[in-house]
Amino acid sequence: METPPAIGEPRTTDYRRLASAAATAIYTWDTRTASYSEVYSRLRDWWDVLPDGSNPLTVFVQEFEATGVNAGTYATLAGEQARRSATVQSLVCDGELAKVRDHPAPWVGLHVCTATLSVVDQSHSDRNAYAAPVSVMVNCPPAATAPIDHCVVVGFYATPSRIVY
């Protein structure tokens, strides 16, 4: 039985499309329409844990919090009716990234993309726009650990020291 895609997750073999959608989802939330648990759960559903456990959910939690939101800050932001939106300004993948050229992916079908996002944080009293990079790892066929008909997100990095350039 195949698992249905998470909310907003495109079912595709186009790793660039999936990486772009994931990067946008990582930085998009709205306290007026969703609780922290709902935002966390929606994004967690995108993360496919590999059979060898090399991408544990502890990394997901750490990197999600590196976007500047956790349960405590989200609760505070909810009182201000805060929301965040993001759009991809640029996306570079695989050999376009110096770190990937120097250290290629360990298997065929694993792709690394770094998106530069235009992010807008808004509340009823403030608006802040900025750029944020996020690296997304996508596992696609023919990888033995990928579904046979689509790609899946197997990780992302929002921590500045872990972004892949």
Protein backbone atom coordinates (compact mmCIF):
# COMPACT_ATOMS: atom_id res chain seq x y z
CA MET A 1 0.00 0.00 0.00
CA GLU A 2 1.41 3.35 -1.02
CA THR A 3 1.44 6.31 1.35
CA PRO A 4 -0.44 9.33 -0.04
CA PRO A 5 1.57 12.54 -0.41
CA ALA A 6 1.60 15.01 2.47
CA ILE A 7 -0.51 18.15 2.17
CA GLY A 8 0.99 20.36 -0.53
CA GLU A 9 3.70 17.84 -1.42
CA PRO A 10 3.90 17.27 -5.17
CA ARG A 11 4.19 13.63 -6.23
CA THR A 12 6.82 13.93 -8.94
CA THR A 13 10.10 12.58 -10.26
CA ASP A 14 11.22 16.17 -10.88
CA TYR A 15 13.61 16.66 -7.96
CA ARG A 16 13.91 20.40 -8.63
CA ARG A 17 10.14 20.84 -8.39
CA LEU A 18 9.98 18.86 -5.14
CA ALA A 19 12.98 20.69 -3.63
CA SER A 20 11.44 24.05 -4.51
CA ALA A 21 8.07 23.09 -3.01
CA ALA A 22 9.73 21.74 0.13
CA ALA A 23 11.86 24.87 0.61
CA THR A 24 8.73 27.01 0.35
CA ALA A 25 6.82 24.77 2.78
CA ILE A 26 9.66 24.87 5.32
CA TYR A 27 9.39 28.65 5.62
CA THR A 28 5.60 29.07 5.28
CA TRP A 29 3.11 29.11 8.17
CA ASP A 30 0.18 31.14 9.46
CA THR A 31 -0.78 31.30 13.15
CA ARG A 32 -4.28 32.48 12.16
CA THR A 33 -5.13 29.20 10.44
CA ALA A 34 -2.91 26.50 11.97
CA SER A 35 -1.47 25.53 15.33
CA TYR A 36 2.22 24.83 15.78
CA SER A 37 1.42 21.12 15.94
CA GLU A 38 -0.38 21.31 12.60
CA VAL A 39 2.48 23.21 10.93
CA TYR A 40 5.06 20.83 12.40
CA SER A 41 3.04 17.74 11.45
CA ARG A 42 2.40 18.94 7.89
CA LEU A 43 6.09 19.49 7.30
CA ARG A 44 7.10 16.33 9.18
CA ASP A 45 4.94 14.34 6.76
CA TRP A 46 7.25 15.45 3.93
CA TRP A 47 10.35 13.95 5.63
CA ASP A 48 10.97 10.33 4.56
CA VAL A 49 13.22 8.53 7.07
CA LEU A 50 15.74 6.33 5.26
CA PRO A 51 15.95 2.64 6.17
CA ASP A 52 19.45 3.07 7.63
CA GLY A 53 18.24 5.87 9.93
CA SER A 54 20.86 8.32 8.63
CA ASN A 55 18.29 11.13 8.61
CA PRO A 56 16.57 10.82 11.99
CA LEU A 57 13.67 12.99 13.05
CA THR A 58 15.94 14.68 15.62
CA VAL A 59 17.66 16.35 12.64
CA PHE A 60 14.26 17.39 11.31
CA VAL A 61 13.39 19.06 14.64
CA GLN A 62 16.76 20.84 14.85
CA GLU A 63 16.57 22.14 11.30
CA PHE A 64 12.91 23.17 11.54
CA GLU A 65 13.72 25.19 14.66
CA ALA A 66 16.64 26.77 12.77
CA THR A 67 14.03 28.57 10.67
CA GLY A 68 13.33 30.65 13.76
CA VAL A 69 10.17 29.01 15.03
CA ASN A 70 9.50 26.51 17.80
CA ALA A 71 6.46 25.80 19.97
CA GLY A 72 7.24 28.67 22.36
CA THR A 73 7.86 31.36 19.75
CA TYR A 74 4.88 30.16 17.70
CA ALA A 75 2.58 30.62 20.72
CA THR A 76 3.86 34.16 21.19
CA LEU A 77 3.52 34.89 17.48
CA ALA A 78 -0.05 33.55 17.49
CA GLY A 79 -0.99 36.35 19.87
CA GLU A 80 0.18 38.77 17.18
CA GLN A 81 -1.64 36.91 14.36
CA ALA A 82 1.74 36.33 12.71
CA ARG A 83 2.32 34.57 9.45
CA ARG A 84 5.28 33.80 7.22
CA SER A 85 5.34 33.33 3.48
CA ALA A 86 8.19 32.35 1.21
CA THR A 87 8.89 32.21 -2.50
CA VAL A 88 11.89 30.67 -4.22
CA GLN A 89 14.14 33.29 -5.83
CA SER A 90 16.81 30.85 -7.02
CA LEU A 91 17.42 27.11 -6.93
CA VAL A 92 20.77 25.43 -7.59
CA CYS A 93 21.20 21.68 -7.50
CA ASP A 94 23.81 18.94 -7.56
CA GLY A 95 26.87 19.87 -9.66
CA GLU A 96 25.86 23.54 -9.56
CA LEU A 97 26.87 23.47 -5.88
CA ALA A 98 30.62 23.54 -5.12
CA LYS A 99 30.24 21.31 -2.04
CA VAL A 100 28.42 18.67 -4.10
CA ARG A 101 31.07 18.83 -6.85
CA ASP A 102 33.73 18.27 -4.17
CA HIS A 103 31.71 15.57 -2.36
CA PRO A 104 29.21 13.94 -4.76
CA ALA A 105 26.05 12.29 -3.48
CA PRO A 106 26.75 8.79 -2.12
CA TRP A 107 24.22 7.12 -4.47
CA VAL A 108 22.50 7.73 -7.79
CA GLY A 109 19.13 9.34 -7.25
CA LEU A 110 20.06 11.45 -4.21
CA HIS A 111 19.92 15.14 -5.11
CA VAL A 112 20.90 18.22 -3.12
CA CYS A 113 19.37 21.60 -3.95
CA THR A 114 19.84 24.93 -2.22
CA ALA A 115 17.05 27.45 -2.56
CA THR A 116 17.34 31.13 -1.79
CA LEU A 117 13.96 32.23 -0.52
CA SER A 118 12.35 35.62 -0.30
CA VAL A 119 10.67 35.43 3.11
CA VAL A 120 8.11 37.83 4.57
CA ASP A 121 7.21 37.72 8.27
CA GLN A 122 4.04 39.67 9.05
CA SER A 123 1.91 40.37 12.08
CA HIS A 124 -0.83 42.87 12.83
CA SER A 125 1.86 45.40 13.80
CA ASP A 126 5.02 44.53 11.84
CA ARG A 127 6.38 43.37 8.51
CA ASN A 128 9.90 42.08 7.88
CA ALA A 129 11.26 40.88 4.52
CA TYR A 130 14.56 39.03 4.12
CA ALA A 131 16.36 36.32 2.14
CA ALA A 132 16.93 32.87 3.62
CA PRO A 133 18.80 29.91 2.17
CA VAL A 134 17.70 26.32 2.75
CA SER A 135 19.23 23.12 1.39
CA VAL A 136 16.89 20.23 0.57
CA MET A 137 17.90 16.61 -0.03
CA VAL A 138 15.62 14.65 -2.35
CA ASN A 139 15.76 10.90 -3.00
CA CYS A 140 14.52 9.77 -6.41
CA PRO A 141 14.41 6.69 -8.57
CA PRO A 142 16.60 4.76 -9.37
CA ALA A 143 17.81 4.89 -5.75
CA ALA A 144 17.03 1.61 -3.99
CA THR A 145 15.68 3.60 -1.01
CA ALA A 146 13.32 5.74 -3.14
CA PRO A 147 9.76 4.93 -4.19
CA ILE A 148 9.72 3.59 -7.75
CA ASP A 149 7.48 6.32 -9.16
CA HIS A 150 8.34 9.58 -7.37
CA CYS A 151 10.91 11.48 -5.32
CA VAL A 152 10.77 12.09 -1.57
CA VAL A 153 12.35 14.64 0.77
CA VAL A 154 14.95 12.97 2.98
CA GLY A 155 16.33 16.05 4.66
CA PHE A 156 16.82 19.77 4.73
CA TYR A 157 19.25 22.17 6.33
CA ALA A 158 18.28 25.62 7.57
CA THR A 159 21.16 25.95 10.05
CA PRO A 160 23.56 28.44 8.41
CA SER A 161 26.65 26.27 8.98
CA ARG A 162 25.00 23.31 7.24
CA ILE A 163 23.66 25.04 4.11
CA VAL A 164 25.22 23.52 0.98
CA TYR A 165 26.72 26.11 -1.38
